[in-house]
Amino acid sequence: MDTNALLRALPKVDRLLEREDVAALAAVHPRPLVVEAVREAIDATRADVLAGRLTTVSEDDVAARAAVAVERSSRRSLRRVINASGIVVHTNLGRSPLASSAIDAVVDVAAGYSTLEYDVESGERGSRHVHVESLLTRLTGAEAAMAVNNNASAVLLGLAGLARGKEAIVSRGQLVEIGGSFRIPDIMRESGATMVEVGTTNKTHLRDYEAALTPRTGLLLKVHSSNFRVVGFTEGVSLAELVELGAQHGVPVFEDQGSGVLIDLARFGMPGEPTMAQAVAAGADLVSASGDKLLGGPQAGILVGKWHVIEKLKKHPLARAVRLDKMTLAALEMTLRLYLDEERLFAEVPTLRMLTMSAEESAARAEKLAAALRDACGDACDVRTSPDVSRAGGGALPMADIPTTVVSVAPRTVAVNELERRLRLGTPTIVARIRDDRLQLDPRTLAPGDEPAIVAAIARALGEASA
């Protein structure tokens, strides 16, 4: 059949919309979306004909193409992912999963009205800060606290509130950049503070800060190197030393802890990270941290410190621009409440459960997943388990090698890159990693119940290859 004949065989839009299978799509999906998908399918088929990629034109094939287009355009862009990468706080995958109690709280306040800014005792307008402030002060020992929409906002607000139009002194070794091009010098500039760098990349002394103090100094800033470490010939100034220096000269001290932790993780075999309570105890006027990294809650920026500092920040014009919405506040409040009961904390907060999972538990889960894959896939792939390491991710604990056991799959019916692609594009989306021509699945970052979905998806992907 020649090209013109094939083009004449293309079905009309009205004809396709009258088909029973296409009409069924319109009963479930918005009709304009189905009409658009039908036109898209016809246009794509026409393009294939003109390019010589088709020798026949079938109305059934065009209808099937339209159905795929409808499914693709109807699929939510933001959707759940099964994380088999072994990176616990995976920034690209939304960082920390929420505890079930936090999810319930979000659903509750999202479904109707709430006490967001309403004081039920007085019947008057209230403050959204109250929902987390008492919890944060109890957990950190701070005089006051507030939360904003992320730690970048917390740093920006702190700098603007304490050092706008003044100088802020910071060590050159702490001019960090984290994912998404968040750079301390850029935030400093946007805050209206003038950055004064002291020391060198690897060594900064207390005398460097002392020499930089002027009548224009408004702040001493200490930034925790969350996502990197400088090792070897190094020296730094402790927070306690900065606090003493600041007190002598009447200059406030602000520590940005980045990832932020409320409990000491060193007892679980991980590198020690300073806690917010330790920074408060050292005398910092202001401490900031993320709520969605090691803390295990929603995206938020937490600010704790002296009462007069926090009150000043609450009244700052930027505070409204970076405030939290009701759903995030609900999730953060419930996450913080779990910190009041450590036994529940490690059982219910997914991030902490994953980080502290023992090597033995990881190995047991890996063996169970491997056995299920062998049963489901048979000779279509080679399945093994092997020791490896997981990562904290999210710019946290960069030096931590967390022992784990991974399941590695070498497919025999399809290239490993194609298997990874099919899992990534499938439903549910499964994110894994490839090493040495094998697909690796780390059980540490799997939620309870993820394994059957992984087994089914891999069996389906390998079955498609052999069909």
Protein backbone atom coordinates (compact mmCIF):
# COMPACT_ATOMS: atom_id res chain seq x y z
CA MET A 1 0.00 0.00 0.00
CA ASP A 2 1.38 3.41 -0.94
CA THR A 3 1.70 6.39 1.40
CA ASN A 4 -1.41 8.17 0.13
CA ALA A 5 -3.50 5.08 0.64
CA LEU A 6 -2.22 4.73 4.19
CA LEU A 7 -3.03 8.36 4.92
CA ARG A 8 -6.57 7.88 3.57
CA ALA A 9 -6.94 4.91 5.92
CA LEU A 10 -6.40 7.09 8.99
CA PRO A 11 -9.63 7.11 11.05
CA LYS A 12 -11.49 10.34 11.68
CA VAL A 13 -11.71 11.85 15.15
CA ASP A 14 -15.50 11.39 15.32
CA ARG A 15 -15.22 7.75 14.26
CA LEU A 16 -12.72 6.97 17.03
CA LEU A 17 -14.80 8.78 19.66
CA GLU A 18 -17.79 6.56 18.73
CA ARG A 19 -15.86 3.36 19.41
CA GLU A 20 -16.92 1.53 22.54
CA ASP A 21 -13.39 1.40 24.03
CA VAL A 22 -12.74 5.11 23.42
CA ALA A 23 -16.21 6.08 24.68
CA ALA A 24 -15.39 4.14 27.85
CA LEU A 25 -12.36 6.37 28.33
CA ALA A 26 -14.56 9.47 28.04
CA ALA A 27 -16.82 8.06 30.75
CA VAL A 28 -13.89 8.02 33.19
CA HIS A 29 -11.72 10.92 32.03
CA PRO A 30 -12.62 14.50 30.99
CA ARG A 31 -13.94 14.45 27.41
CA PRO A 32 -11.64 17.29 26.21
CA LEU A 33 -8.65 15.26 27.38
CA VAL A 34 -9.87 12.17 25.46
CA VAL A 35 -10.50 14.23 22.30
CA GLU A 36 -6.99 15.67 22.56
CA ALA A 37 -5.52 12.18 23.01
CA VAL A 38 -7.41 10.90 19.94
CA ARG A 39 -6.07 13.75 17.82
CA GLU A 40 -2.59 13.16 19.19
CA ALA A 41 -2.80 9.46 18.27
CA ILE A 42 -3.96 10.24 14.73
CA ASP A 43 -1.20 12.84 14.27
CA ALA A 44 1.45 10.46 15.60
CA THR A 45 0.26 7.70 13.26
CA ARG A 46 0.30 10.11 10.32
CA ALA A 47 3.88 11.11 11.18
CA ASP A 48 4.91 7.43 11.25
CA VAL A 49 3.34 6.87 7.84
CA LEU A 50 5.12 9.87 6.31
CA ALA A 51 8.42 8.72 7.84
CA GLY A 52 7.98 5.24 6.35
CA ARG A 53 7.75 3.54 9.74
CA LEU A 54 4.34 1.95 9.05
CA THR A 55 3.17 -0.30 6.27
CA THR A 56 -0.40 -0.69 7.55
CA VAL A 57 -2.85 1.53 9.40
CA SER A 58 -5.26 -0.05 11.86
CA GLU A 59 -8.10 1.74 13.61
CA ASP A 60 -7.53 -0.57 16.60
CA ASP A 61 -3.89 0.50 16.81
CA VAL A 62 -4.78 4.19 16.69
CA ALA A 63 -7.40 3.70 19.41
CA ALA A 64 -4.86 1.85 21.55
CA ARG A 65 -2.43 4.70 21.00
CA ALA A 66 -5.09 7.16 22.17
CA ALA A 67 -5.71 5.09 25.30
CA VAL A 68 -2.01 5.25 26.15
CA ALA A 69 -2.04 9.02 25.61
CA VAL A 70 -5.05 9.38 27.93
CA GLU A 71 -3.35 7.34 30.63
CA ARG A 72 -0.16 9.37 30.31
CA SER A 73 -1.89 12.75 30.52
CA SER A 74 -4.15 11.61 33.39
CA ARG A 75 -1.30 10.33 35.50
CA ARG A 76 -0.45 12.58 38.43
CA SER A 77 2.87 14.33 38.00
CA LEU A 78 3.59 14.23 41.74
CA ARG A 79 3.09 10.65 42.86
CA ARG A 80 4.47 8.03 45.19
CA VAL A 81 7.77 6.33 44.41
CA ILE A 82 9.26 3.11 45.78
CA ASN A 83 12.79 4.03 46.80
CA ALA A 84 15.13 1.05 46.42
CA SER A 85 18.24 3.22 46.01
CA GLY A 86 19.51 2.91 49.57
CA ILE A 87 19.60 6.71 49.97
CA VAL A 88 17.45 7.38 53.01
CA VAL A 89 16.90 11.15 52.81
CA HIS A 90 16.67 11.29 49.01
CA THR A 91 16.20 14.96 48.06
CA ASN A 92 14.91 14.20 44.56
CA LEU A 93 12.35 11.78 45.97
CA GLY A 94 10.95 14.16 48.59
CA ARG A 95 13.40 13.52 51.43
CA SER A 96 11.78 12.08 54.56
CA PRO A 97 8.60 9.98 54.44
CA LEU A 98 6.18 10.95 57.18
CA ALA A 99 5.07 8.92 60.17
CA SER A 100 1.52 7.58 59.90
CA SER A 101 0.34 9.82 62.75
CA ALA A 102 1.72 12.86 60.88
CA ILE A 103 -0.10 11.78 57.72
CA ASP A 104 -3.35 11.39 59.68
CA ALA A 105 -2.92 14.89 61.10
CA VAL A 106 -2.41 16.34 57.62
CA VAL A 107 -5.55 14.63 56.31
CA ASP A 108 -7.54 15.84 59.32
CA VAL A 109 -6.71 19.53 58.94
CA ALA A 110 -6.86 19.41 55.13
CA ALA A 111 -10.40 18.03 55.15
CA GLY A 112 -11.94 21.02 56.85
CA TYR A 113 -11.34 24.08 58.95
CA SER A 114 -8.73 24.13 61.71
CA THR A 115 -7.32 26.08 64.66
CA LEU A 116 -4.52 27.46 62.47
CA GLU A 117 -4.78 31.01 63.82
CA TYR A 118 -7.69 30.69 66.23
CA ASP A 119 -7.46 30.63 70.03
CA VAL A 120 -10.30 28.43 71.21
CA GLU A 121 -9.90 29.58 74.83
CA SER A 122 -10.48 33.26 74.09
CA GLY A 123 -12.40 32.95 70.87
CA GLU A 124 -9.99 35.49 69.39
CA ARG A 125 -7.35 35.41 66.68
CA GLY A 126 -4.36 33.25 67.63
CA SER A 127 -0.88 32.58 66.26
CA ARG A 128 0.20 29.73 64.02
CA HIS A 129 3.51 29.63 65.90
CA VAL A 130 1.90 28.08 68.99
CA HIS A 131 1.36 24.70 67.35
CA VAL A 132 5.06 23.80 67.46
CA GLU A 133 6.74 26.37 69.70
CA SER A 134 6.20 24.66 73.05
CA LEU A 135 7.30 21.32 71.61
CA LEU A 136 10.48 22.79 70.19
CA THR A 137 11.38 24.63 73.37
CA ARG A 138 10.79 21.47 75.40
CA LEU A 139 12.93 19.36 73.06
CA THR A 140 15.80 21.85 72.73
CA GLY A 141 15.77 23.83 75.96
CA ALA A 142 15.41 27.09 74.02
CA GLU A 143 13.48 30.08 75.36
CA ALA A 144 11.41 30.43 72.17
CA ALA A 145 10.96 28.87 68.74
CA MET A 146 9.24 29.20 65.38
CA ALA A 147 9.12 27.33 62.09
CA VAL A 148 9.21 28.51 58.48
CA ASN A 149 8.97 26.76 55.12
CA ASN A 150 12.55 25.46 54.86
CA ASN A 151 16.01 25.96 56.33
CA ALA A 152 17.08 28.33 53.55
CA SER A 153 14.21 30.59 54.63
CA ALA A 154 15.25 30.18 58.26
CA VAL A 155 18.79 31.32 57.47
CA LEU A 156 17.52 34.20 55.31
CA LEU A 157 15.12 35.35 58.03
CA GLY A 158 17.75 35.05 60.75
CA LEU A 159 20.31 37.06 58.79
CA ALA A 160 17.78 39.70 57.75
CA GLY A 161 16.43 40.06 61.27
CA LEU A 162 19.79 40.27 63.02
CA ALA A 163 22.26 41.69 60.52
CA ARG A 164 20.51 43.65 57.75
CA GLY A 165 22.63 46.74 57.10
CA LYS A 166 25.37 45.31 59.31
CA GLU A 167 28.31 42.95 58.97
CA ALA A 168 28.06 39.21 59.56
CA ILE A 169 31.33 37.39 60.21
CA VAL A 170 31.70 33.82 58.91
CA SER A 171 34.62 31.43 58.38
CA ARG A 172 35.72 30.84 54.79
CA GLY A 173 35.58 27.12 55.52
CA GLN A 174 31.83 27.41 56.11
CA LEU A 175 30.76 29.11 52.88
CA VAL A 176 28.82 26.03 51.86
CA GLU A 177 26.72 25.22 48.84
CA ILE A 178 24.04 22.57 49.06
CA GLY A 179 21.76 21.04 46.42
CA GLY A 180 19.80 23.46 44.27
CA SER A 181 22.58 26.07 44.38
CA PHE A 182 21.82 27.29 47.90
CA ARG A 183 24.96 29.23 48.77
CA ILE A 184 25.67 31.04 52.01
CA PRO A 185 27.18 34.10 50.22
CA ASP A 186 24.05 34.42 48.06
CA ILE A 187 21.69 34.16 51.03
CA MET A 188 23.84 36.67 52.91
CA ARG A 189 23.59 39.15 50.05
CA GLU A 190 19.80 38.74 49.73
CA SER A 191 19.38 39.26 53.48
CA GLY A 192 20.93 42.72 53.32
CA ALA A 193 23.85 41.72 55.53
CA THR A 194 27.46 42.35 54.49
CA MET A 195 29.49 39.17 54.63
CA VAL A 196 32.91 39.36 56.25
CA GLU A 197 35.04 36.27 55.59
CA VAL A 198 37.69 35.23 58.10
CA GLY A 199 40.31 32.49 58.23
CA THR A 200 41.05 30.06 55.43
CA THR A 201 39.32 27.05 53.93
CA ASN A 202 40.92 24.60 56.33
CA LYS A 203 41.90 26.75 59.33
CA THR A 204 40.09 29.49 61.21
CA HIS A 205 41.15 30.75 64.63
CA LEU A 206 39.31 32.73 67.29
CA ARG A 207 41.74 35.60 66.73
CA ASP A 208 40.46 35.83 63.12
CA TYR A 209 36.98 36.65 64.41
CA GLU A 210 38.36 39.05 66.99
CA ALA A 211 40.35 40.95 64.35
CA ALA A 212 37.25 41.29 62.14
CA LEU A 213 35.01 42.81 64.83
CA THR A 214 34.03 46.43 64.16
CA PRO A 215 31.26 48.79 65.35
CA ARG A 216 29.31 47.58 62.28
CA THR A 217 29.42 43.90 63.28
CA GLY A 218 25.88 42.63 63.74
CA LEU A 219 26.34 38.87 63.87
CA LEU A 220 28.75 35.98 64.28
CA LEU A 221 27.59 33.17 61.99
CA LYS A 222 28.58 29.52 62.27
CA VAL A 223 27.49 27.17 59.47
CA HIS A 224 27.64 23.41 59.93
CA SER A 225 29.20 21.60 56.95
CA SER A 226 26.27 19.20 56.53
CA ASN A 227 27.19 17.80 53.13
CA PHE A 228 31.00 17.73 53.23
CA ARG A 229 33.96 17.41 55.55
CA VAL A 230 37.40 19.04 55.50
CA VAL A 231 39.87 16.59 57.02
CA GLY A 232 43.58 16.62 57.74
CA PHE A 233 45.36 19.86 58.61
CA THR A 234 42.32 21.68 59.95
CA GLU A 235 41.24 23.85 62.85
CA GLY A 236 38.02 25.59 63.71
CA VAL A 237 36.36 27.65 66.39
CA SER A 238 33.80 26.00 68.64
CA LEU A 239 30.34 27.42 69.14
CA ALA A 240 31.09 27.95 72.84
CA GLU A 241 34.12 30.09 71.93
CA LEU A 242 32.06 32.19 69.54
CA VAL A 243 29.35 32.65 72.16
CA GLU A 244 31.93 33.88 74.68
CA LEU A 245 33.39 36.28 72.11
CA GLY A 246 29.92 37.53 71.17
CA ALA A 247 29.00 38.11 74.79
CA GLN A 248 32.15 40.18 75.34
CA HIS A 249 31.28 42.48 72.46
CA GLY A 250 27.47 42.41 72.55
CA VAL A 251 27.21 40.56 69.23
CA PRO A 252 24.64 37.73 68.78
CA VAL A 253 25.72 34.29 67.57
CA PHE A 254 23.71 32.34 64.99
CA GLU A 255 24.42 28.67 64.19
CA ASP A 256 22.93 27.12 61.06
CA GLN A 257 22.99 23.36 61.70
CA GLY A 258 21.70 22.44 58.24
CA SER A 259 20.39 18.90 58.56
CA GLY A 260 19.45 19.34 62.19
CA VAL A 261 19.07 16.58 64.76
CA LEU A 262 17.20 16.41 68.03
CA ILE A 263 18.83 13.20 69.28
CA ASP A 264 22.42 11.96 69.35
CA LEU A 265 22.85 9.49 66.47
CA ALA A 266 26.36 8.49 67.54
CA ARG A 267 24.95 5.77 69.81
CA PHE A 268 23.70 4.01 66.68
CA GLY A 269 27.17 3.83 65.19
CA MET A 270 26.84 6.92 63.01
CA PRO A 271 29.11 9.96 63.02
CA GLY A 272 28.15 12.35 65.79
CA GLU A 273 26.18 15.39 64.71
CA PRO A 274 25.59 18.41 66.97
CA THR A 275 22.03 18.53 68.27
CA MET A 276 19.94 21.65 68.51
CA ALA A 277 19.79 21.22 72.29
CA GLN A 278 23.59 21.21 72.47
CA ALA A 279 23.76 24.45 70.49
CA VAL A 280 21.19 26.06 72.76
CA ALA A 281 23.07 24.85 75.85
CA ALA A 282 26.27 26.35 74.43
CA GLY A 283 24.55 29.74 74.48
CA ALA A 284 23.75 30.41 70.81
CA ASP A 285 21.29 33.25 70.39
CA LEU A 286 19.73 31.57 67.36
CA VAL A 287 19.92 28.05 65.89
CA SER A 288 18.37 26.88 62.61
CA ALA A 289 17.86 23.43 61.09
CA SER A 290 15.78 21.51 58.55
CA GLY A 291 12.65 19.65 59.56
CA ASP A 292 12.73 17.14 56.70
CA LYS A 293 16.22 15.66 56.85
CA LEU A 294 17.53 13.81 59.89
CA LEU A 295 14.62 15.06 61.98
CA GLY A 296 12.27 13.00 59.79
CA GLY A 297 9.40 15.45 59.39
CA PRO A 298 7.98 17.61 56.57
CA GLN A 299 9.90 20.30 54.71
CA ALA A 300 10.38 23.07 57.23
CA GLY A 301 12.97 25.40 58.68
CA ILE A 302 13.20 25.37 62.46
CA LEU A 303 14.44 28.35 64.46
CA VAL A 304 15.09 28.16 68.20
CA GLY A 305 16.89 30.55 70.51
CA LYS A 306 16.63 33.47 72.87
CA TRP A 307 13.15 34.87 73.43
CA HIS A 308 13.95 38.42 72.29
CA VAL A 309 15.56 37.13 69.08
CA ILE A 310 12.68 34.84 68.12
CA GLU A 311 10.12 37.55 68.91
CA LYS A 312 11.99 39.92 66.61
CA LEU A 313 11.96 37.35 63.80
CA LYS A 314 8.24 36.62 64.26
CA LYS A 315 7.52 40.31 63.63
CA HIS A 316 9.87 40.63 60.66
CA PRO A 317 8.14 41.30 57.29
CA LEU A 318 9.81 38.22 55.79
CA ALA A 319 8.17 35.98 58.39
CA ARG A 320 4.84 36.11 56.58
CA ALA A 321 6.44 35.36 53.22
CA VAL A 322 8.11 32.19 54.53
CA ARG A 323 5.46 30.97 56.98
CA LEU A 324 4.21 27.39 57.08
CA ASP A 325 0.81 26.28 55.83
CA LYS A 326 -1.63 24.30 57.99
CA MET A 327 -0.79 20.88 56.51
CA THR A 328 2.95 21.24 57.07
CA LEU A 329 2.36 22.52 60.60
CA ALA A 330 0.14 19.52 61.32
CA ALA A 331 2.82 17.10 60.10
CA LEU A 332 5.59 18.89 61.97
CA GLU A 333 3.62 19.02 65.23
CA MET A 334 2.92 15.27 65.17
CA THR A 335 6.52 14.45 64.25
CA LEU A 336 7.78 16.54 67.17
CA ARG A 337 5.29 14.87 69.52
CA LEU A 338 6.84 11.50 68.66
CA TYR A 339 10.17 12.81 69.98
CA LEU A 340 8.60 12.91 73.44
CA ASP A 341 8.48 9.09 73.41
CA GLU A 342 11.73 7.61 72.07
CA GLU A 343 10.35 4.09 71.80
CA ARG A 344 7.57 5.25 69.50
CA LEU A 345 9.94 7.61 67.73
CA PHE A 346 12.18 4.93 66.24
CA ALA A 347 9.28 2.64 65.50
CA GLU A 348 7.11 5.23 63.73
CA VAL A 349 9.36 7.85 62.05
CA PRO A 350 10.45 6.18 58.78
CA THR A 351 13.70 8.13 58.39
CA LEU A 352 14.96 7.21 61.85
CA ARG A 353 13.78 3.62 61.44
CA MET A 354 15.72 3.29 58.18
CA LEU A 355 18.87 4.99 59.48
CA THR A 356 19.02 2.80 62.56
CA MET A 357 18.00 -0.49 60.91
CA SER A 358 20.54 -3.12 61.92
CA ALA A 359 22.75 -4.87 59.39
CA GLU A 360 21.09 -8.14 60.43
CA GLU A 361 17.60 -6.87 59.66
CA SER A 362 18.76 -5.50 56.31
CA ALA A 363 20.30 -8.88 55.43
CA ALA A 364 17.13 -10.75 56.41
CA ARG A 365 14.94 -8.47 54.29
CA ALA A 366 17.32 -8.81 51.35
CA GLU A 367 17.29 -12.61 51.50
CA LYS A 368 13.50 -12.66 51.63
CA LEU A 369 13.21 -10.31 48.64
CA ALA A 370 15.78 -12.31 46.68
CA ALA A 371 13.90 -15.56 47.28
CA ALA A 372 10.64 -13.99 46.10
CA LEU A 373 12.31 -12.69 42.95
CA ARG A 374 13.81 -16.09 42.13
CA ASP A 375 10.39 -17.73 42.51
CA ALA A 376 8.65 -15.10 40.35
CA CYS A 377 11.24 -14.67 37.59
CA GLY A 378 12.80 -18.12 37.27
CA ASP A 379 15.46 -18.30 34.59
CA ALA A 380 14.72 -14.78 33.31
CA CYS A 381 17.30 -13.31 35.68
CA ASP A 382 20.10 -14.11 38.08
CA VAL A 383 19.39 -12.90 41.63
CA ARG A 384 22.03 -12.54 44.34
CA THR A 385 22.55 -10.75 47.65
CA SER A 386 25.76 -9.02 48.69
CA PRO A 387 27.03 -6.65 51.39
CA ASP A 388 27.05 -2.96 50.51
CA VAL A 389 26.49 0.45 52.10
CA SER A 390 23.48 2.75 52.33
CA ARG A 391 23.71 6.54 52.50
CA ALA A 392 21.93 9.04 54.70
CA GLY A 393 21.52 11.46 51.76
CA GLY A 394 19.99 14.92 51.79
CA GLY A 395 23.38 16.49 52.49
CA ALA A 396 23.53 14.75 55.88
CA LEU A 397 26.17 12.47 57.40
CA PRO A 398 28.43 12.58 54.32
CA MET A 399 31.07 10.32 55.91
CA ALA A 400 28.65 7.62 57.06
CA ASP A 401 28.86 4.21 55.38
CA ILE A 402 25.78 2.45 56.72
CA PRO A 403 26.23 -1.35 56.38
CA THR A 404 23.46 -3.02 54.39
CA THR A 405 22.75 -6.00 52.15
CA VAL A 406 21.51 -5.39 48.63
CA VAL A 407 19.67 -7.60 46.17
CA SER A 408 21.26 -7.51 42.72
CA VAL A 409 19.45 -8.63 39.59
CA ALA A 410 21.11 -9.51 36.28
CA PRO A 411 18.31 -9.86 33.67
CA ARG A 412 18.77 -12.40 30.88
CA THR A 413 15.91 -11.31 28.59
CA VAL A 414 16.58 -7.57 28.51
CA ALA A 415 19.46 -5.16 29.06
CA VAL A 416 19.83 -4.00 32.64
CA ASN A 417 19.42 -0.34 31.56
CA GLU A 418 16.11 -1.24 29.92
CA LEU A 419 14.95 -3.05 33.04
CA GLU A 420 15.79 0.01 35.15
CA ARG A 421 13.93 2.23 32.68
CA ARG A 422 10.80 0.07 32.74
CA LEU A 423 10.74 0.07 36.53
CA ARG A 424 11.24 3.84 36.60
CA LEU A 425 8.43 4.48 34.09
CA GLY A 426 6.06 1.88 35.47
CA THR A 427 3.28 2.03 38.01
CA PRO A 428 4.34 2.22 40.76
CA THR A 429 7.55 4.04 39.90
CA ILE A 430 10.53 2.12 41.30
CA VAL A 431 13.89 3.86 41.66
CA ALA A 432 16.92 1.57 41.89
CA ARG A 433 20.58 1.84 40.98
CA ILE A 434 22.86 0.00 38.55
CA ARG A 435 26.30 -1.29 39.44
CA ASP A 436 28.49 -3.75 37.51
CA ASP A 437 25.70 -4.43 35.00
CA ARG A 438 23.31 -5.51 37.74
CA LEU A 439 20.21 -3.78 39.09
CA GLN A 440 20.64 -3.16 42.82
CA LEU A 441 17.78 -2.98 45.32
CA ASP A 442 18.53 -1.86 48.87
CA PRO A 443 15.86 -3.00 51.37
CA ARG A 444 16.88 -0.31 53.87
CA THR A 445 14.82 2.33 52.06
CA LEU A 446 11.81 0.15 51.31
CA ALA A 447 8.61 0.80 53.22
CA PRO A 448 6.91 -2.23 54.76
CA GLY A 449 4.92 -3.91 52.00
CA ASP A 450 6.99 -2.55 49.09
CA GLU A 451 8.54 -5.94 48.28
CA PRO A 452 5.51 -7.56 46.58
CA ALA A 453 5.14 -4.54 44.29
CA ILE A 454 8.83 -4.76 43.34
CA VAL A 455 8.60 -8.50 42.62
CA ALA A 456 5.49 -8.02 40.47
CA ALA A 457 7.03 -5.08 38.57
CA ILE A 458 10.28 -6.91 37.78
CA ALA A 459 8.43 -10.06 36.72
CA ARG A 460 6.19 -7.96 34.50
CA ALA A 461 9.14 -6.08 32.96
CA LEU A 462 11.00 -9.33 32.22
CA GLY A 463 7.81 -10.93 30.87
CA GLU A 464 7.32 -8.05 28.45
CA ALA A 465 10.84 -8.60 27.20
CA SER A 466 10.28 -12.27 26.44
CA ALA A 467 6.81 -11.80 24.94
